[in-house]
Amino acid sequence: MITVTAEQIFAELQMIPLQEQEKFFALVARKAFSDDENLSHDELFGDLKDAEFTAKESMSYLEVSSATFRRYIRDGKITPSTEIGTSHLFKLSDLRKLKSAIKLMKG
């Protein structure tokens, strides 16, 4: 039997196209919240609570171009939580807040 860790699955998941990620999570949601077995939101997504995304992952999550994302940083709408050399990481909680604000502005 091959043992795969949650971290390995998550790393692999990040490498697939965004559209396939969305399909995967929709499938997980349907299976997780069916009558057969009910998982709480924390049980299903708890590992992502303190997750940090790269700039590229953040742009994908927000569904914005790199120019728009850089403008958000310049305007102080989002700030990196961690800087490693020239790489910046962004907290998922901050990205969620920004995404909600973007949706409100678009109406």
PDB file of N, CA and C in Angstrom:
ATOM      1  N   MET A   1       0.839  -1.184   0.000  1.00  0.00           N
ATOM      2  CA  MET A   1       0.000   0.000   0.000  1.00  0.00           C
ATOM      3  C   MET A   1       0.880   1.242   0.000  1.00  0.00           C
ATOM      4  N   ILE A   2       0.550   2.194  -0.835  1.00  0.00           N
ATOM      5  CA  ILE A   2       1.302   3.438  -0.922  1.00  0.00           C
ATOM      6  C   ILE A   2       0.657   4.454   0.009  1.00  0.00           C
ATOM      7  N   THR A   3       1.477   5.114   0.823  1.00  0.00           N
ATOM      8  CA  THR A   3       0.973   6.139   1.725  1.00  0.00           C
ATOM      9  C   THR A   3       1.269   7.511   1.144  1.00  0.00           C
ATOM     10  N   VAL A   4       0.240   8.328   1.072  1.00  0.00           N
ATOM     11  CA  VAL A   4       0.374   9.681   0.554  1.00  0.00           C
ATOM     12  C   VAL A   4      -0.077  10.627   1.659  1.00  0.00           C
ATOM     13  N   THR A   5       0.694  11.681   1.904  1.00  0.00           N
ATOM     14  CA  THR A   5       0.332  12.639   2.943  1.00  0.00           C
ATOM     15  C   THR A   5      -0.574  13.729   2.383  1.00  0.00           C
ATOM     16  N   ALA A   6      -1.271  14.392   3.272  1.00  0.00           N
ATOM     17  CA  ALA A   6      -2.129  15.507   2.877  1.00  0.00           C
ATOM     18  C   ALA A   6      -1.302  16.606   2.218  1.00  0.00           C
ATOM     19  N   GLU A   7      -0.095  16.829   2.730  1.00  0.00           N
ATOM     20  CA  GLU A   7       0.777  17.857   2.163  1.00  0.00           C
ATOM     21  C   GLU A   7       1.158  17.520   0.720  1.00  0.00           C
ATOM     22  N   GLN A   8       1.405  16.238   0.444  1.00  0.00           N
ATOM     23  CA  GLN A   8       1.748  15.825  -0.911  1.00  0.00           C
ATOM     24  C   GLN A   8       0.561  16.034  -1.859  1.00  0.00           C
ATOM     25  N   ILE A   9      -0.622  15.670  -1.395  1.00  0.00           N
ATOM     26  CA  ILE A   9      -1.818  15.852  -2.216  1.00  0.00           C
ATOM     27  C   ILE A   9      -2.035  17.332  -2.490  1.00  0.00           C
ATOM     28  N   PHE A  10      -1.891  18.156  -1.455  1.00  0.00           N
ATOM     29  CA  PHE A  10      -2.089  19.597  -1.625  1.00  0.00           C
ATOM     30  C   PHE A  10      -1.068  20.175  -2.605  1.00  0.00           C
ATOM     31  N   ALA A  11       0.190  19.748  -2.494  1.00  0.00           N
ATOM     32  CA  ALA A  11       1.229  20.231  -3.411  1.00  0.00           C
ATOM     33  C   ALA A  11       0.892  19.847  -4.847  1.00  0.00           C
ATOM     34  N   GLU A  12       0.429  18.633  -5.053  1.00  0.00           N
ATOM     35  CA  GLU A  12       0.037  18.187  -6.394  1.00  0.00           C
ATOM     36  C   GLU A  12      -1.169  18.982  -6.891  1.00  0.00           C
ATOM     37  N   LEU A  13      -2.113  19.225  -6.009  1.00  0.00           N
ATOM     38  CA  LEU A  13      -3.315  19.961  -6.369  1.00  0.00           C
ATOM     39  C   LEU A  13      -2.988  21.370  -6.845  1.00  0.00           C
ATOM     40  N   GLN A  14      -1.995  21.990  -6.244  1.00  0.00           N
ATOM     41  CA  GLN A  14      -1.617  23.344  -6.624  1.00  0.00           C
ATOM     42  C   GLN A  14      -1.007  23.402  -8.014  1.00  0.00           C
ATOM     43  N   MET A  15      -0.567  22.266  -8.533  1.00  0.00           N
ATOM     44  CA  MET A  15       0.072  22.247  -9.847  1.00  0.00           C
ATOM     45  C   MET A  15      -0.927  22.050 -10.989  1.00  0.00           C
ATOM     46  N   ILE A  16      -2.166  21.673 -10.663  1.00  0.00           N
ATOM     47  CA  ILE A  16      -3.136  21.478 -11.741  1.00  0.00           C
ATOM     48  C   ILE A  16      -3.816  22.813 -12.068  1.00  0.00           C
ATOM     49  N   PRO A  17      -4.354  22.934 -13.265  1.00  0.00           N
ATOM     50  CA  PRO A  17      -5.000  24.198 -13.666  1.00  0.00           C
ATOM     51  C   PRO A  17      -6.144  24.564 -12.727  1.00  0.00           C
ATOM     52  N   LEU A  18      -6.392  25.846 -12.619  1.00  0.00           N
ATOM     53  CA  LEU A  18      -7.420  26.370 -11.716  1.00  0.00           C
ATOM     54  C   LEU A  18      -8.780  25.727 -11.983  1.00  0.00           C
ATOM     55  N   GLN A  19      -9.137  25.555 -13.226  1.00  0.00           N
ATOM     56  CA  GLN A  19     -10.439  24.968 -13.564  1.00  0.00           C
ATOM     57  C   GLN A  19     -10.550  23.554 -12.998  1.00  0.00           C
ATOM     58  N   GLU A  20      -9.470  22.787 -13.056  1.00  0.00           N
ATOM     59  CA  GLU A  20      -9.487  21.429 -12.507  1.00  0.00           C
ATOM     60  C   GLU A  20      -9.513  21.465 -10.974  1.00  0.00           C
ATOM     61  N   GLN A  21      -8.861  22.458 -10.376  1.00  0.00           N
ATOM     62  CA  GLN A  21      -8.936  22.615  -8.920  1.00  0.00           C
ATOM     63  C   GLN A  21     -10.377  22.855  -8.501  1.00  0.00           C
ATOM     64  N   GLU A  22     -11.073  23.712  -9.238  1.00  0.00           N
ATOM     65  CA  GLU A  22     -12.470  24.016  -8.933  1.00  0.00           C
ATOM     66  C   GLU A  22     -13.335  22.765  -9.043  1.00  0.00           C
ATOM     67  N   LYS A  23     -13.109  21.954 -10.085  1.00  0.00           N
ATOM     68  CA  LYS A  23     -13.848  20.706 -10.236  1.00  0.00           C
ATOM     69  C   LYS A  23     -13.584  19.772  -9.058  1.00  0.00           C
ATOM     70  N   PHE A  24     -12.319  19.693  -8.649  1.00  0.00           N
ATOM     71  CA  PHE A  24     -11.946  18.823  -7.537  1.00  0.00           C
ATOM     72  C   PHE A  24     -12.670  19.238  -6.261  1.00  0.00           C
ATOM     73  N   PHE A  25     -12.631  20.535  -5.945  1.00  0.00           N
ATOM     74  CA  PHE A  25     -13.260  20.985  -4.708  1.00  0.00           C
ATOM     75  C   PHE A  25     -14.783  20.869  -4.770  1.00  0.00           C
ATOM     76  N   ALA A  26     -15.352  21.033  -5.950  1.00  0.00           N
ATOM     77  CA  ALA A  26     -16.796  20.826  -6.087  1.00  0.00           C
ATOM     78  C   ALA A  26     -17.137  19.364  -5.809  1.00  0.00           C
ATOM     79  N   LEU A  27     -16.325  18.464  -6.312  1.00  0.00           N
ATOM     80  CA  LEU A  27     -16.525  17.039  -6.064  1.00  0.00           C
ATOM     81  C   LEU A  27     -16.373  16.725  -4.575  1.00  0.00           C
ATOM     82  N   VAL A  28     -15.347  17.273  -3.957  1.00  0.00           N
ATOM     83  CA  VAL A  28     -15.141  17.064  -2.525  1.00  0.00           C
ATOM     84  C   VAL A  28     -16.335  17.590  -1.739  1.00  0.00           C
ATOM     85  N   ALA A  29     -16.819  18.763  -2.107  1.00  0.00           N
ATOM     86  CA  ALA A  29     -17.954  19.360  -1.400  1.00  0.00           C
ATOM     87  C   ALA A  29     -19.195  18.487  -1.539  1.00  0.00           C
ATOM     88  N   ARG A  30     -19.456  18.004  -2.752  1.00  0.00           N
ATOM     89  CA  ARG A  30     -20.640  17.156  -2.956  1.00  0.00           C
ATOM     90  C   ARG A  30     -20.546  15.884  -2.125  1.00  0.00           C
ATOM     91  N   LYS A  31     -19.369  15.265  -2.122  1.00  0.00           N
ATOM     92  CA  LYS A  31     -19.192  14.017  -1.383  1.00  0.00           C
ATOM     93  C   LYS A  31     -19.175  14.266   0.122  1.00  0.00           C
ATOM     94  N   ALA A  32     -18.540  15.343   0.544  1.00  0.00           N
ATOM     95  CA  ALA A  32     -18.396  15.617   1.970  1.00  0.00           C
ATOM     96  C   ALA A  32     -19.708  15.985   2.622  1.00  0.00           C
ATOM     97  N   PHE A  33     -20.584  16.653   1.887  1.00  0.00           N
ATOM     98  CA  PHE A  33     -21.819  17.138   2.482  1.00  0.00           C
ATOM     99  C   PHE A  33     -23.039  16.336   2.033  1.00  0.00           C
ATOM    100  N   SER A  34     -22.785  15.138   1.529  1.00  0.00           N
ATOM    101  CA  SER A  34     -23.905  14.270   1.177  1.00  0.00           C
ATOM    102  C   SER A  34     -24.463  13.639   2.452  1.00  0.00           C
ATOM    103  N   ASP A  35     -25.565  12.945   2.324  1.00  0.00           N
ATOM    104  CA  ASP A  35     -26.194  12.324   3.492  1.00  0.00           C
ATOM    105  C   ASP A  35     -25.361  11.187   4.071  1.00  0.00           C
ATOM    106  N   ASP A  36     -24.473  10.628   3.258  1.00  0.00           N
ATOM    107  CA  ASP A  36     -23.678   9.492   3.720  1.00  0.00           C
ATOM    108  C   ASP A  36     -22.724   9.875   4.848  1.00  0.00           C
ATOM    109  N   GLU A  37     -22.111  11.007   4.730  1.00  0.00           N
ATOM    110  CA  GLU A  37     -21.111  11.427   5.719  1.00  0.00           C
ATOM    111  C   GLU A  37     -21.070  12.942   5.749  1.00  0.00           C
ATOM    112  N   ASN A  38     -21.187  13.523   6.900  1.00  0.00           N
ATOM    113  CA  ASN A  38     -21.164  14.973   7.028  1.00  0.00           C
ATOM    114  C   ASN A  38     -19.887  15.413   7.721  1.00  0.00           C
ATOM    115  N   LEU A  39     -19.066  16.150   6.996  1.00  0.00           N
ATOM    116  CA  LEU A  39     -17.856  16.721   7.563  1.00  0.00           C
ATOM    117  C   LEU A  39     -18.096  18.200   7.796  1.00  0.00           C
ATOM    118  N   SER A  40     -17.548  18.711   8.868  1.00  0.00           N
ATOM    119  CA  SER A  40     -17.677  20.142   9.118  1.00  0.00           C
ATOM    120  C   SER A  40     -16.730  20.904   8.197  1.00  0.00           C
ATOM    121  N   HIS A  41     -16.967  22.196   8.078  1.00  0.00           N
ATOM    122  CA  HIS A  41     -16.086  23.043   7.273  1.00  0.00           C
ATOM    123  C   HIS A  41     -14.652  22.946   7.796  1.00  0.00           C
ATOM    124  N   ASP A  42     -14.487  22.975   9.127  1.00  0.00           N
ATOM    125  CA  ASP A  42     -13.145  22.886   9.717  1.00  0.00           C
ATOM    126  C   ASP A  42     -12.485  21.549   9.429  1.00  0.00           C
ATOM    127  N   GLU A  43     -13.254  20.468   9.451  1.00  0.00           N
ATOM    128  CA  GLU A  43     -12.684  19.151   9.146  1.00  0.00           C
ATOM    129  C   GLU A  43     -12.219  19.086   7.699  1.00  0.00           C
ATOM    130  N   LEU A  44     -12.966  19.717   6.827  1.00  0.00           N
ATOM    131  CA  LEU A  44     -12.650  19.651   5.409  1.00  0.00           C
ATOM    132  C   LEU A  44     -11.548  20.617   5.000  1.00  0.00           C
ATOM    133  N   PHE A  45     -11.597  21.854   5.529  1.00  0.00           N
ATOM    134  CA  PHE A  45     -10.666  22.890   5.082  1.00  0.00           C
ATOM    135  C   PHE A  45      -9.766  23.428   6.193  1.00  0.00           C
ATOM    136  N   GLY A  46      -9.749  22.785   7.339  1.00  0.00           N
ATOM    137  CA  GLY A  46      -8.989  23.272   8.491  1.00  0.00           C
ATOM    138  C   GLY A  46      -7.516  23.503   8.216  1.00  0.00           C
ATOM    139  N   ASP A  47      -6.914  22.666   7.365  1.00  0.00           N
ATOM    140  CA  ASP A  47      -5.490  22.817   7.061  1.00  0.00           C
ATOM    141  C   ASP A  47      -5.191  24.098   6.302  1.00  0.00           C
ATOM    142  N   LEU A  48      -6.201  24.679   5.654  1.00  0.00           N
ATOM    143  CA  LEU A  48      -5.985  25.900   4.882  1.00  0.00           C
ATOM    144  C   LEU A  48      -6.149  27.160   5.717  1.00  0.00           C
ATOM    145  N   LYS A  49      -6.567  27.012   6.971  1.00  0.00           N
ATOM    146  CA  LYS A  49      -6.880  28.178   7.803  1.00  0.00           C
ATOM    147  C   LYS A  49      -5.714  29.162   7.859  1.00  0.00           C
ATOM    148  N   ASP A  50      -4.509  28.671   8.041  1.00  0.00           N
ATOM    149  CA  ASP A  50      -3.338  29.541   8.148  1.00  0.00           C
ATOM    150  C   ASP A  50      -2.456  29.482   6.903  1.00  0.00           C
ATOM    151  N   ALA A  51      -3.041  29.064   5.782  1.00  0.00           N
ATOM    152  CA  ALA A  51      -2.266  28.901   4.552  1.00  0.00           C
ATOM    153  C   ALA A  51      -1.772  30.243   4.020  1.00  0.00           C
ATOM    154  N   GLU A  52      -0.637  30.186   3.366  1.00  0.00           N
ATOM    155  CA  GLU A  52      -0.075  31.351   2.685  1.00  0.00           C
ATOM    156  C   GLU A  52       0.084  30.985   1.215  1.00  0.00           C
ATOM    157  N   PHE A  53      -0.269  31.921   0.341  1.00  0.00           N
ATOM    158  CA  PHE A  53      -0.206  31.707  -1.094  1.00  0.00           C
ATOM    159  C   PHE A  53       0.903  32.549  -1.692  1.00  0.00           C
ATOM    160  N   THR A  54       1.511  32.036  -2.747  1.00  0.00           N
ATOM    161  CA  THR A  54       2.477  32.818  -3.504  1.00  0.00           C
ATOM    162  C   THR A  54       1.702  33.895  -4.258  1.00  0.00           C
ATOM    163  N   ALA A  55       2.420  34.822  -4.853  1.00  0.00           N
ATOM    164  CA  ALA A  55       1.764  35.873  -5.641  1.00  0.00           C
ATOM    165  C   ALA A  55       0.972  35.253  -6.789  1.00  0.00           C
ATOM    166  N   LYS A  56       1.557  34.274  -7.460  1.00  0.00           N
ATOM    167  CA  LYS A  56       0.876  33.626  -8.588  1.00  0.00           C
ATOM    168  C   LYS A  56      -0.398  32.928  -8.121  1.00  0.00           C
ATOM    169  N   GLU A  57      -0.325  32.202  -7.012  1.00  0.00           N
ATOM    170  CA  GLU A  57      -1.503  31.531  -6.467  1.00  0.00           C
ATOM    171  C   GLU A  57      -2.555  32.548  -6.030  1.00  0.00           C
ATOM    172  N   SER A  58      -2.085  33.650  -5.475  1.00  0.00           N
ATOM    173  CA  SER A  58      -2.987  34.711  -5.024  1.00  0.00           C
ATOM    174  C   SER A  58      -3.741  35.319  -6.195  1.00  0.00           C
ATOM    175  N   MET A  59      -3.027  35.577  -7.289  1.00  0.00           N
ATOM    176  CA  MET A  59      -3.669  36.131  -8.488  1.00  0.00           C
ATOM    177  C   MET A  59      -4.722  35.164  -9.020  1.00  0.00           C
ATOM    178  N   SER A  60      -4.396  33.899  -9.006  1.00  0.00           N
ATOM    179  CA  SER A  60      -5.334  32.882  -9.464  1.00  0.00           C
ATOM    180  C   SER A  60      -6.557  32.835  -8.555  1.00  0.00           C
ATOM    181  N   TYR A  61      -6.339  32.871  -7.252  1.00  0.00           N
ATOM    182  CA  TYR A  61      -7.446  32.845  -6.296  1.00  0.00           C
ATOM    183  C   TYR A  61      -8.363  34.057  -6.470  1.00  0.00           C
ATOM    184  N   LEU A  62      -7.748  35.218  -6.652  1.00  0.00           N
ATOM    185  CA  LEU A  62      -8.522  36.454  -6.810  1.00  0.00           C
ATOM    186  C   LEU A  62      -9.097  36.616  -8.216  1.00  0.00           C
ATOM    187  N   GLU A  63      -8.578  35.820  -9.156  1.00  0.00           N
ATOM    188  CA  GLU A  63      -8.992  35.894 -10.557  1.00  0.00           C
ATOM    189  C   GLU A  63      -8.698  37.269 -11.144  1.00  0.00           C
ATOM    190  N   VAL A  64      -7.460  37.737 -10.916  1.00  0.00           N
ATOM    191  CA  VAL A  64      -7.030  39.035 -11.442  1.00  0.00           C
ATOM    192  C   VAL A  64      -5.715  38.867 -12.187  1.00  0.00           C
ATOM    193  N   SER A  65      -5.398  39.839 -13.014  1.00  0.00           N
ATOM    194  CA  SER A  65      -4.135  39.828 -13.757  1.00  0.00           C
ATOM    195  C   SER A  65      -2.988  40.214 -12.829  1.00  0.00           C
ATOM    196  N   SER A  66      -1.776  39.997 -13.294  1.00  0.00           N
ATOM    197  CA  SER A  66      -0.609  40.375 -12.487  1.00  0.00           C
ATOM    198  C   SER A  66      -0.548  41.890 -12.302  1.00  0.00           C
ATOM    199  N   ALA A  67      -0.953  42.643 -13.324  1.00  0.00           N
ATOM    200  CA  ALA A  67      -0.951  44.111 -13.206  1.00  0.00           C
ATOM    201  C   ALA A  67      -1.937  44.567 -12.132  1.00  0.00           C
ATOM    202  N   THR A  68      -3.118  43.975 -12.122  1.00  0.00           N
ATOM    203  CA  THR A  68      -4.123  44.332 -11.115  1.00  0.00           C
ATOM    204  C   THR A  68      -3.633  43.946  -9.727  1.00  0.00           C
ATOM    205  N   PHE A  69      -3.043  42.752  -9.614  1.00  0.00           N
ATOM    206  CA  PHE A  69      -2.541  42.308  -8.312  1.00  0.00           C
ATOM    207  C   PHE A  69      -1.445  43.237  -7.801  1.00  0.00           C
ATOM    208  N   ARG A  70      -0.533  43.640  -8.683  1.00  0.00           N
ATOM    209  CA  ARG A  70       0.526  44.576  -8.276  1.00  0.00           C
ATOM    210  C   ARG A  70      -0.080  45.913  -7.842  1.00  0.00           C
ATOM    211  N   ARG A  71      -1.135  46.345  -8.523  1.00  0.00           N
ATOM    212  CA  ARG A  71      -1.816  47.586  -8.141  1.00  0.00           C
ATOM    213  C   ARG A  71      -2.442  47.449  -6.750  1.00  0.00           C
ATOM    214  N   TYR A  72      -3.034  46.306  -6.462  1.00  0.00           N
ATOM    215  CA  TYR A  72      -3.603  46.075  -5.132  1.00  0.00           C
ATOM    216  C   TYR A  72      -2.515  46.189  -4.059  1.00  0.00           C
ATOM    217  N   ILE A  73      -1.340  45.653  -4.353  1.00  0.00           N
ATOM    218  CA  ILE A  73      -0.220  45.738  -3.397  1.00  0.00           C
ATOM    219  C   ILE A  73       0.219  47.189  -3.252  1.00  0.00           C
ATOM    220  N   ARG A  74       0.398  47.871  -4.372  1.00  0.00           N
ATOM    221  CA  ARG A  74       0.828  49.275  -4.356  1.00  0.00           C
ATOM    222  C   ARG A  74      -0.152  50.151  -3.588  1.00  0.00           C
ATOM    223  N   ASP A  75      -1.449  49.878  -3.759  1.00  0.00           N
ATOM    224  CA  ASP A  75      -2.485  50.682  -3.106  1.00  0.00           C
ATOM    225  C   ASP A  75      -2.755  50.258  -1.666  1.00  0.00           C
ATOM    226  N   GLY A  76      -2.058  49.234  -1.194  1.00  0.00           N
ATOM    227  CA  GLY A  76      -2.224  48.788   0.188  1.00  0.00           C
ATOM    228  C   GLY A  76      -3.461  47.944   0.435  1.00  0.00           C
ATOM    229  N   LYS A  77      -4.087  47.443  -0.626  1.00  0.00           N
ATOM    230  CA  LYS A  77      -5.275  46.602  -0.456  1.00  0.00           C
ATOM    231  C   LYS A  77      -4.896  45.207   0.030  1.00  0.00           C
ATOM    232  N   ILE A  78      -3.672  44.797  -0.248  1.00  0.00           N
ATOM    233  CA  ILE A  78      -3.149  43.519   0.223  1.00  0.00           C
ATOM    234  C   ILE A  78      -1.660  43.702   0.485  1.00  0.00           C
ATOM    235  N   THR A  79      -1.182  43.111   1.557  1.00  0.00           N
ATOM    236  CA  THR A  79       0.249  43.190   1.875  1.00  0.00           C
ATOM    237  C   THR A  79       0.771  41.787   2.133  1.00  0.00           C
ATOM    238  N   PRO A  80       2.015  41.532   1.777  1.00  0.00           N
ATOM    239  CA  PRO A  80       2.580  40.210   2.021  1.00  0.00           C
ATOM    240  C   PRO A  80       2.673  39.941   3.524  1.00  0.00           C
ATOM    241  N   SER A  81       2.396  38.710   3.896  1.00  0.00           N
ATOM    242  CA  SER A  81       2.543  38.324   5.296  1.00  0.00           C
ATOM    243  C   SER A  81       3.958  37.833   5.565  1.00  0.00           C
ATOM    244  N   THR A  82       4.599  37.331   4.517  1.00  0.00           N
ATOM    245  CA  THR A  82       5.955  36.802   4.636  1.00  0.00           C
ATOM    246  C   THR A  82       6.738  37.185   3.388  1.00  0.00           C
ATOM    247  N   GLU A  83       7.982  37.568   3.594  1.00  0.00           N
ATOM    248  CA  GLU A  83       8.879  37.840   2.468  1.00  0.00           C
ATOM    249  C   GLU A  83      10.096  36.947   2.613  1.00  0.00           C
ATOM    250  N   ILE A  84      10.366  36.177   1.558  1.00  0.00           N
ATOM    251  CA  ILE A  84      11.529  35.294   1.531  1.00  0.00           C
ATOM    252  C   ILE A  84      12.332  35.674   0.308  1.00  0.00           C
ATOM    253  N   GLY A  85      13.413  36.403   0.505  1.00  0.00           N
ATOM    254  CA  GLY A  85      14.171  36.914  -0.627  1.00  0.00           C
ATOM    255  C   GLY A  85      13.288  37.850  -1.432  1.00  0.00           C
ATOM    256  N   THR A  86      13.105  37.513  -2.703  1.00  0.00           N
ATOM    257  CA  THR A  86      12.241  38.334  -3.554  1.00  0.00           C
ATOM    258  C   THR A  86      10.821  37.776  -3.648  1.00  0.00           C
ATOM    259  N   SER A  87      10.571  36.673  -2.967  1.00  0.00           N
ATOM    260  CA  SER A  87       9.247  36.056  -2.997  1.00  0.00           C
ATOM    261  C   SER A  87       8.381  36.594  -1.866  1.00  0.00           C
ATOM    262  N   HIS A  88       7.114  36.781  -2.165  1.00  0.00           N
ATOM    263  CA  HIS A  88       6.160  37.253  -1.175  1.00  0.00           C
ATOM    264  C   HIS A  88       5.050  36.228  -1.015  1.00  0.00           C
ATOM    265  N   LEU A  89       4.632  36.017   0.227  1.00  0.00           N
ATOM    266  CA  LEU A  89       3.516  35.124   0.521  1.00  0.00           C
ATOM    267  C   LEU A  89       2.381  35.937   1.122  1.00  0.00           C
ATOM    268  N   PHE A  90       1.155  35.524   0.823  1.00  0.00           N
ATOM    269  CA  PHE A  90      -0.022  36.261   1.254  1.00  0.00           C
ATOM    270  C   PHE A  90      -0.955  35.325   2.020  1.00  0.00           C
ATOM    271  N   LYS A  91      -1.459  35.796   3.154  1.00  0.00           N
ATOM    272  CA  LYS A  91      -2.352  34.981   3.982  1.00  0.00           C
ATOM    273  C   LYS A  91      -3.677  34.758   3.265  1.00  0.00           C
ATOM    274  N   LEU A  92      -4.152  33.529   3.349  1.00  0.00           N
ATOM    275  CA  LEU A  92      -5.437  33.202   2.746  1.00  0.00           C
ATOM    276  C   LEU A  92      -6.547  34.046   3.363  1.00  0.00           C
ATOM    277  N   SER A  93      -6.488  34.287   4.655  1.00  0.00           N
ATOM    278  CA  SER A  93      -7.535  35.087   5.308  1.00  0.00           C
ATOM    279  C   SER A  93      -7.582  36.504   4.719  1.00  0.00           C
ATOM    280  N   ASP A  94      -6.409  37.086   4.418  1.00  0.00           N
ATOM    281  CA  ASP A  94      -6.366  38.418   3.798  1.00  0.00           C
ATOM    282  C   ASP A  94      -6.913  38.377   2.373  1.00  0.00           C
ATOM    283  N   LEU A  95      -6.578  37.305   1.653  1.00  0.00           N
ATOM    284  CA  LEU A  95      -7.070  37.159   0.280  1.00  0.00           C
ATOM    285  C   LEU A  95      -8.583  37.008   0.261  1.00  0.00           C
ATOM    286  N   ARG A  96      -9.116  36.270   1.217  1.00  0.00           N
ATOM    287  CA  ARG A  96     -10.571  36.099   1.290  1.00  0.00           C
ATOM    288  C   ARG A  96     -11.260  37.438   1.526  1.00  0.00           C
ATOM    289  N   LYS A  97     -10.703  38.242   2.434  1.00  0.00           N
ATOM    290  CA  LYS A  97     -11.286  39.564   2.712  1.00  0.00           C
ATOM    291  C   LYS A  97     -11.268  40.439   1.461  1.00  0.00           C
ATOM    292  N   LEU A  98     -10.137  40.432   0.760  1.00  0.00           N
ATOM    293  CA  LEU A  98     -10.026  41.234  -0.454  1.00  0.00           C
ATOM    294  C   LEU A  98     -10.994  40.735  -1.524  1.00  0.00           C
ATOM    295  N   LYS A  99     -11.104  39.419  -1.672  1.00  0.00           N
ATOM    296  CA  LYS A  99     -12.021  38.870  -2.674  1.00  0.00           C
ATOM    297  C   LYS A  99     -13.460  39.270  -2.364  1.00  0.00           C
ATOM    298  N   SER A 100     -13.824  39.254  -1.092  1.00  0.00           N
ATOM    299  CA  SER A 100     -15.175  39.687  -0.703  1.00  0.00           C
ATOM    300  C   SER A 100     -15.391  41.156  -1.035  1.00  0.00           C
ATOM    301  N   ALA A 101     -14.374  41.980  -0.767  1.00  0.00           N
ATOM    302  CA  ALA A 101     -14.474  43.410  -1.070  1.00  0.00           C
ATOM    303  C   ALA A 101     -14.602  43.640  -2.567  1.00  0.00           C
ATOM    304  N   ILE A 102     -13.868  42.882  -3.343  1.00  0.00           N
ATOM    305  CA  ILE A 102     -13.935  43.001  -4.806  1.00  0.00           C
ATOM    306  C   ILE A 102     -15.342  42.655  -5.288  1.00  0.00           C
ATOM    307  N   LYS A 103     -15.905  41.586  -4.751  1.00  0.00           N
ATOM    308  CA  LYS A 103     -17.249  41.174  -5.150  1.00  0.00           C
ATOM    309  C   LYS A 103     -18.277  42.246  -4.787  1.00  0.00           C
ATOM    310  N   LEU A 104     -18.115  42.868  -3.618  1.00  0.00           N
ATOM    311  CA  LEU A 104     -19.046  43.917  -3.202  1.00  0.00           C
ATOM    312  C   LEU A 104     -18.959  45.120  -4.142  1.00  0.00           C
ATOM    313  N   MET A 105     -17.731  45.475  -4.550  1.00  0.00           N
ATOM    314  CA  MET A 105     -17.552  46.621  -5.442  1.00  0.00           C
ATOM    315  C   MET A 105     -18.164  46.351  -6.818  1.00  0.00           C
ATOM    316  N   LYS A 106     -18.080  45.105  -7.278  1.00  0.00           N
ATOM    317  CA  LYS A 106     -18.628  44.763  -8.595  1.00  0.00           C
ATOM    318  C   LYS A 106     -20.140  44.642  -8.561  1.00  0.00           C
ATOM    319  N   GLY A 107     -20.665  44.436  -7.354  1.00  0.00           N
ATOM    320  CA  GLY A 107     -22.120  44.372  -7.211  1.00  0.00           C
ATOM    321  C   GLY A 107     -22.642  43.057  -7.483  1.00  0.00           C
TER     322      GLY A 107
END
